Amino acid sequence: MSALALLADANGGGQIEQIARTFGVNWPHLIAQIISFCIVCALLHRFAYRPVLGMLEERRRLIAEGLANAENIKAELARTEAQRQELMAQVNAQAIRLIEEARTAAARVQQQETQKAIAAAEQIMLKAREATEREHDRMLAELKREVGRLIVQTTAAVTGKILTPEDQQRLAEEMATQLAS
């Protein structure tokens, strides 16, 4: 039923009037309570519901900002991690390059030191050869003198005569030429 039909029945004292009396409805009192309820609802809406809705909206906004900030922080963290990885790769590459340079330098130094050692060994061997040759020449000269002296003694003993210094010199020279050839 429509609201107008209900109101017409209420004025006419129809069936609704009887039901309302049965339940003890006092129309002026009911209308006053409806008006009071509407005023309380309006006041609650204005002073309680709106601030609560504003506070809820503010909290939604703060939560949305927090989520957006969290996403920004995640993106920044990912970017920072990528930069860190890139920097680590560069540092590793530089370390490998430095190690290779050190190995090359070490090989070069080793080769130089080896060459110096070889040159020093050759110098030592050359000096040893020269010393050996000098020692050989000295020993050969000493041997010649000794052999000459022995020949002179042997000749003197065999011939039974004493040799003069000129004879000794001549025999020593003959022996030296024979030994040399």
C-alpha atoms as a PDB file:
ATOM      1  CA  MET A   1       0.000   0.000   0.000  1.00  0.00           C
ATOM      2  CA  SER A   2       1.064   3.457  -0.632  1.00  0.00           C
ATOM      3  CA  ALA A   3       1.789   6.012   2.039  1.00  0.00           C
ATOM      4  CA  LEU A   4      -1.205   8.130   1.022  1.00  0.00           C
ATOM      5  CA  ALA A   5      -3.576   5.240   1.427  1.00  0.00           C
ATOM      6  CA  LEU A   6      -2.243   4.612   4.913  1.00  0.00           C
ATOM      7  CA  LEU A   7      -2.624   8.232   5.843  1.00  0.00           C
ATOM      8  CA  ALA A   8      -6.204   8.334   4.498  1.00  0.00           C
ATOM      9  CA  ASP A   9      -7.028   5.291   6.561  1.00  0.00           C
ATOM     10  CA  ALA A  10      -5.465   6.900   9.605  1.00  0.00           C
ATOM     11  CA  ASN A  11      -7.661   9.975   9.265  1.00  0.00           C
ATOM     12  CA  GLY A  12     -10.724   7.990   8.499  1.00  0.00           C
ATOM     13  CA  GLY A  13     -10.298   5.792  11.524  1.00  0.00           C
ATOM     14  CA  GLY A  14     -10.082   2.588   9.668  1.00  0.00           C
ATOM     15  CA  GLN A  15      -8.338  -0.602  10.358  1.00  0.00           C
ATOM     16  CA  ILE A  16      -4.907   1.015  10.965  1.00  0.00           C
ATOM     17  CA  GLU A  17      -6.436   3.126  13.727  1.00  0.00           C
ATOM     18  CA  GLN A  18      -7.647   0.012  15.465  1.00  0.00           C
ATOM     19  CA  ILE A  19      -4.284  -1.702  15.170  1.00  0.00           C
ATOM     20  CA  ALA A  20      -2.548   1.436  16.460  1.00  0.00           C
ATOM     21  CA  ARG A  21      -4.919   1.576  19.474  1.00  0.00           C
ATOM     22  CA  THR A  22      -4.415  -2.116  20.135  1.00  0.00           C
ATOM     23  CA  PHE A  23      -0.685  -1.580  20.412  1.00  0.00           C
ATOM     24  CA  GLY A  24      -1.095   1.675  22.347  1.00  0.00           C
ATOM     25  CA  VAL A  25       0.204   4.099  19.737  1.00  0.00           C
ATOM     26  CA  ASN A  26      -0.195   7.740  20.708  1.00  0.00           C
ATOM     27  CA  TRP A  27       0.153   9.702  17.479  1.00  0.00           C
ATOM     28  CA  PRO A  28       1.320  13.042  18.871  1.00  0.00           C
ATOM     29  CA  HIS A  29       3.824  11.257  21.089  1.00  0.00           C
ATOM     30  CA  LEU A  30       5.026   9.071  18.148  1.00  0.00           C
ATOM     31  CA  ILE A  31       5.500  12.100  15.905  1.00  0.00           C
ATOM     32  CA  ALA A  32       7.515  13.882  18.654  1.00  0.00           C
ATOM     33  CA  GLN A  33       9.701  10.797  19.063  1.00  0.00           C
ATOM     34  CA  ILE A  34      10.224  10.602  15.283  1.00  0.00           C
ATOM     35  CA  ILE A  35      11.251  14.291  15.220  1.00  0.00           C
ATOM     36  CA  SER A  36      13.593  13.785  18.218  1.00  0.00           C
ATOM     37  CA  PHE A  37      15.087  10.706  16.560  1.00  0.00           C
ATOM     38  CA  CYS A  38      15.674  12.663  13.328  1.00  0.00           C
ATOM     39  CA  ILE A  39      17.326  15.507  15.290  1.00  0.00           C
ATOM     40  CA  VAL A  40      19.565  13.014  17.155  1.00  0.00           C
ATOM     41  CA  CYS A  41      20.406  11.293  13.858  1.00  0.00           C
ATOM     42  CA  ALA A  42      21.244  14.648  12.249  1.00  0.00           C
ATOM     43  CA  LEU A  43      23.440  15.660  15.227  1.00  0.00           C
ATOM     44  CA  LEU A  44      25.173  12.274  15.298  1.00  0.00           C
ATOM     45  CA  HIS A  45      25.686  12.451  11.566  1.00  0.00           C
ATOM     46  CA  ARG A  46      27.151  15.951  11.816  1.00  0.00           C
ATOM     47  CA  PHE A  47      29.290  15.640  14.943  1.00  0.00           C
ATOM     48  CA  ALA A  48      30.130  11.936  15.181  1.00  0.00           C
ATOM     49  CA  TYR A  49      29.689  10.129  11.889  1.00  0.00           C
ATOM     50  CA  ARG A  50      31.405  12.757   9.690  1.00  0.00           C
ATOM     51  CA  PRO A  51      34.535  13.064  11.904  1.00  0.00           C
ATOM     52  CA  VAL A  52      34.778   9.272  12.117  1.00  0.00           C
ATOM     53  CA  LEU A  53      34.462   9.048   8.325  1.00  0.00           C
ATOM     54  CA  GLY A  54      37.092  11.813   7.973  1.00  0.00           C
ATOM     55  CA  MET A  55      39.396   9.993  10.360  1.00  0.00           C
ATOM     56  CA  LEU A  56      38.849   6.734   8.456  1.00  0.00           C
ATOM     57  CA  GLU A  57      39.535   8.508   5.172  1.00  0.00           C
ATOM     58  CA  GLU A  58      42.718  10.013   6.654  1.00  0.00           C
ATOM     59  CA  ARG A  59      43.813   6.546   7.811  1.00  0.00           C
ATOM     60  CA  ARG A  60      43.105   5.143   4.322  1.00  0.00           C
ATOM     61  CA  ARG A  61      45.186   7.933   2.817  1.00  0.00           C
ATOM     62  CA  LEU A  62      48.038   7.303   5.284  1.00  0.00           C
ATOM     63  CA  ILE A  63      47.910   3.568   4.604  1.00  0.00           C
ATOM     64  CA  ALA A  64      47.956   4.225   0.856  1.00  0.00           C
ATOM     65  CA  GLU A  65      50.933   6.581   1.308  1.00  0.00           C
ATOM     66  CA  GLY A  66      52.663   3.957   3.438  1.00  0.00           C
ATOM     67  CA  LEU A  67      52.091   1.317   0.778  1.00  0.00           C
ATOM     68  CA  ALA A  68      53.318   3.692  -1.923  1.00  0.00           C
ATOM     69  CA  ASN A  69      56.376   4.512   0.197  1.00  0.00           C
ATOM     70  CA  ALA A  70      56.950   0.802   0.775  1.00  0.00           C
ATOM     71  CA  GLU A  71      56.830   0.230  -2.987  1.00  0.00           C
ATOM     72  CA  ASN A  72      59.224   3.155  -3.518  1.00  0.00           C
ATOM     73  CA  ILE A  73      61.540   1.754  -0.868  1.00  0.00           C
ATOM     74  CA  LYS A  74      61.407  -1.683  -2.497  1.00  0.00           C
ATOM     75  CA  ALA A  75      62.200  -0.143  -5.886  1.00  0.00           C
ATOM     76  CA  GLU A  76      65.031   1.912  -4.358  1.00  0.00           C
ATOM     77  CA  LEU A  77      66.340  -1.175  -2.582  1.00  0.00           C
ATOM     78  CA  ALA A  78      66.238  -3.158  -5.830  1.00  0.00           C
ATOM     79  CA  ARG A  79      68.045  -0.337  -7.640  1.00  0.00           C
ATOM     80  CA  THR A  80      70.626  -0.118  -4.864  1.00  0.00           C
ATOM     81  CA  GLU A  81      71.113  -3.890  -4.949  1.00  0.00           C
ATOM     82  CA  ALA A  82      71.598  -3.744  -8.723  1.00  0.00           C
ATOM     83  CA  GLN A  83      74.164  -0.950  -8.289  1.00  0.00           C
ATOM     84  CA  ARG A  84      75.907  -2.984  -5.584  1.00  0.00           C
ATOM     85  CA  GLN A  85      76.019  -6.036  -7.849  1.00  0.00           C
ATOM     86  CA  GLU A  86      77.379  -3.911 -10.709  1.00  0.00           C
ATOM     87  CA  LEU A  87      79.985  -2.360  -8.419  1.00  0.00           C
ATOM     88  CA  MET A  88      80.989  -5.797  -7.126  1.00  0.00           C
ATOM     89  CA  ALA A  89      81.361  -7.013 -10.714  1.00  0.00           C
ATOM     90  CA  GLN A  90      83.561  -4.001 -11.526  1.00  0.00           C
ATOM     91  CA  VAL A  91      85.642  -4.532  -8.405  1.00  0.00           C
ATOM     92  CA  ASN A  92      86.042  -8.234  -9.241  1.00  0.00           C
ATOM     93  CA  ALA A  93      87.081  -7.395 -12.796  1.00  0.00           C
ATOM     94  CA  GLN A  94      89.573  -4.835 -11.523  1.00  0.00           C
ATOM     95  CA  ALA A  95      90.939  -7.321  -8.972  1.00  0.00           C
ATOM     96  CA  ILE A  96      91.363  -9.951 -11.688  1.00  0.00           C
ATOM     97  CA  ARG A  97      93.093  -7.385 -13.897  1.00  0.00           C
ATOM     98  CA  LEU A  98      95.429  -6.383 -11.054  1.00  0.00           C
ATOM     99  CA  ILE A  99      96.224 -10.035 -10.320  1.00  0.00           C
ATOM    100  CA  GLU A 100      97.030 -10.635 -13.977  1.00  0.00           C
ATOM    101  CA  GLU A 101      99.232  -7.526 -14.054  1.00  0.00           C
ATOM    102  CA  ALA A 102     101.002  -8.738 -10.906  1.00  0.00           C
ATOM    103  CA  ARG A 103     101.541 -12.166 -12.451  1.00  0.00           C
ATOM    104  CA  THR A 104     102.911 -10.569 -15.617  1.00  0.00           C
ATOM    105  CA  ALA A 105     105.202  -8.313 -13.603  1.00  0.00           C
ATOM    106  CA  ALA A 106     106.326 -11.277 -11.491  1.00  0.00           C
ATOM    107  CA  ALA A 107     107.079 -13.295 -14.636  1.00  0.00           C
ATOM    108  CA  ARG A 108     108.993 -10.346 -16.084  1.00  0.00           C
ATOM    109  CA  VAL A 109     110.985  -9.899 -12.863  1.00  0.00           C
ATOM    110  CA  GLN A 110     111.642 -13.638 -12.705  1.00  0.00           C
ATOM    111  CA  GLN A 111     112.875 -13.618 -16.292  1.00  0.00           C
ATOM    112  CA  GLN A 112     115.114 -10.614 -15.593  1.00  0.00           C
ATOM    113  CA  GLU A 113     116.504 -12.234 -12.463  1.00  0.00           C
ATOM    114  CA  THR A 114     117.060 -15.481 -14.373  1.00  0.00           C
ATOM    115  CA  GLN A 115     118.937 -13.594 -17.072  1.00  0.00           C
ATOM    116  CA  LYS A 116     121.011 -11.807 -14.417  1.00  0.00           C
ATOM    117  CA  ALA A 117     121.782 -15.147 -12.752  1.00  0.00           C
ATOM    118  CA  ILE A 118     122.765 -16.671 -16.111  1.00  0.00           C
ATOM    119  CA  ALA A 119     124.986 -13.682 -16.881  1.00  0.00           C
ATOM    120  CA  ALA A 120     126.551 -13.911 -13.415  1.00  0.00           C
ATOM    121  CA  ALA A 121     127.089 -17.664 -13.869  1.00  0.00           C
ATOM    122  CA  GLU A 122     128.696 -17.053 -17.261  1.00  0.00           C
ATOM    123  CA  GLN A 123     130.953 -14.397 -15.699  1.00  0.00           C
ATOM    124  CA  ILE A 124     131.936 -16.833 -12.936  1.00  0.00           C
ATOM    125  CA  MET A 125     132.599 -19.578 -15.477  1.00  0.00           C
ATOM    126  CA  LEU A 126     134.664 -17.186 -17.625  1.00  0.00           C
ATOM    127  CA  LYS A 127     136.705 -16.095 -14.619  1.00  0.00           C
ATOM    128  CA  ALA A 128     137.103 -19.746 -13.585  1.00  0.00           C
ATOM    129  CA  ARG A 129     138.329 -20.619 -17.103  1.00  0.00           C
ATOM    130  CA  GLU A 130     140.774 -17.720 -17.064  1.00  0.00           C
ATOM    131  CA  ALA A 131     141.972 -18.727 -13.596  1.00  0.00           C
ATOM    132  CA  THR A 132     142.287 -22.336 -14.749  1.00  0.00           C
ATOM    133  CA  GLU A 133     144.211 -21.238 -17.826  1.00  0.00           C
ATOM    134  CA  ARG A 134     146.541 -19.073 -15.723  1.00  0.00           C
ATOM    135  CA  GLU A 135     146.983 -21.936 -13.260  1.00  0.00           C
ATOM    136  CA  HIS A 136     147.629 -24.314 -16.184  1.00  0.00           C
ATOM    137  CA  ASP A 137     150.187 -21.938 -17.691  1.00  0.00           C
ATOM    138  CA  ARG A 138     151.851 -21.456 -14.307  1.00  0.00           C
ATOM    139  CA  MET A 139     151.924 -25.212 -13.675  1.00  0.00           C
ATOM    140  CA  LEU A 140     153.245 -25.834 -17.199  1.00  0.00           C
ATOM    141  CA  ALA A 141     156.022 -23.301 -16.678  1.00  0.00           C
ATOM    142  CA  GLU A 142     156.813 -24.850 -13.314  1.00  0.00           C
ATOM    143  CA  LEU A 143     156.791 -28.298 -14.900  1.00  0.00           C
ATOM    144  CA  LYS A 144     159.165 -27.116 -17.620  1.00  0.00           C
ATOM    145  CA  ARG A 145     161.529 -25.717 -15.023  1.00  0.00           C
ATOM    146  CA  GLU A 146     161.341 -28.893 -12.972  1.00  0.00           C
ATOM    147  CA  VAL A 147     161.839 -31.153 -16.008  1.00  0.00           C
ATOM    148  CA  GLY A 148     164.746 -28.970 -17.151  1.00  0.00           C
ATOM    149  CA  ARG A 149     166.311 -29.187 -13.703  1.00  0.00           C
ATOM    150  CA  LEU A 150     165.809 -32.967 -13.629  1.00  0.00           C
ATOM    151  CA  ILE A 151     167.337 -33.344 -17.111  1.00  0.00           C
ATOM    152  CA  VAL A 152     170.285 -31.244 -16.122  1.00  0.00           C
ATOM    153  CA  GLN A 153     170.773 -33.377 -12.982  1.00  0.00           C
ATOM    154  CA  THR A 154     170.308 -36.586 -14.938  1.00  0.00           C
ATOM    155  CA  THR A 155     172.714 -35.476 -17.655  1.00  0.00           C
ATOM    156  CA  ALA A 156     175.228 -34.415 -15.077  1.00  0.00           C
ATOM    157  CA  ALA A 157     174.892 -37.754 -13.303  1.00  0.00           C
ATOM    158  CA  VAL A 158     175.141 -39.757 -16.552  1.00  0.00           C
ATOM    159  CA  THR A 159     178.023 -37.839 -18.035  1.00  0.00           C
ATOM    160  CA  GLY A 160     179.759 -37.537 -14.756  1.00  0.00           C
ATOM    161  CA  LYS A 161     180.790 -33.997 -15.333  1.00  0.00           C
ATOM    162  CA  ILE A 162     179.605 -30.807 -13.800  1.00  0.00           C
ATOM    163  CA  LEU A 163     177.676 -28.689 -16.218  1.00  0.00           C
ATOM    164  CA  THR A 164     178.298 -25.036 -16.480  1.00  0.00           C
ATOM    165  CA  PRO A 165     175.421 -22.600 -16.189  1.00  0.00           C
ATOM    166  CA  GLU A 166     175.542 -22.057 -19.948  1.00  0.00           C
ATOM    167  CA  ASP A 167     175.218 -25.803 -20.562  1.00  0.00           C
ATOM    168  CA  GLN A 168     172.353 -26.000 -18.128  1.00  0.00           C
ATOM    169  CA  GLN A 169     170.639 -23.098 -19.866  1.00  0.00           C
ATOM    170  CA  ARG A 170     171.101 -24.635 -23.296  1.00  0.00           C
ATOM    171  CA  LEU A 171     169.758 -28.052 -22.179  1.00  0.00           C
ATOM    172  CA  ALA A 172     166.754 -26.421 -20.470  1.00  0.00           C
ATOM    173  CA  GLU A 173     165.892 -24.477 -23.640  1.00  0.00           C
ATOM    174  CA  GLU A 174     166.171 -27.559 -25.817  1.00  0.00           C
ATOM    175  CA  MET A 175     163.877 -29.456 -23.474  1.00  0.00           C
ATOM    176  CA  ALA A 176     161.367 -26.598 -23.405  1.00  0.00           C
ATOM    177  CA  THR A 177     161.180 -26.531 -27.204  1.00  0.00           C
ATOM    178  CA  GLN A 178     160.738 -30.297 -27.321  1.00  0.00           C
ATOM    179  CA  LEU A 179     157.965 -30.183 -24.678  1.00  0.00           C
ATOM    180  CA  ALA A 180     156.250 -27.278 -26.403  1.00  0.00           C
ATOM    181  CA  SER A 181     156.087 -29.113 -29.711  1.00  0.00           C
END
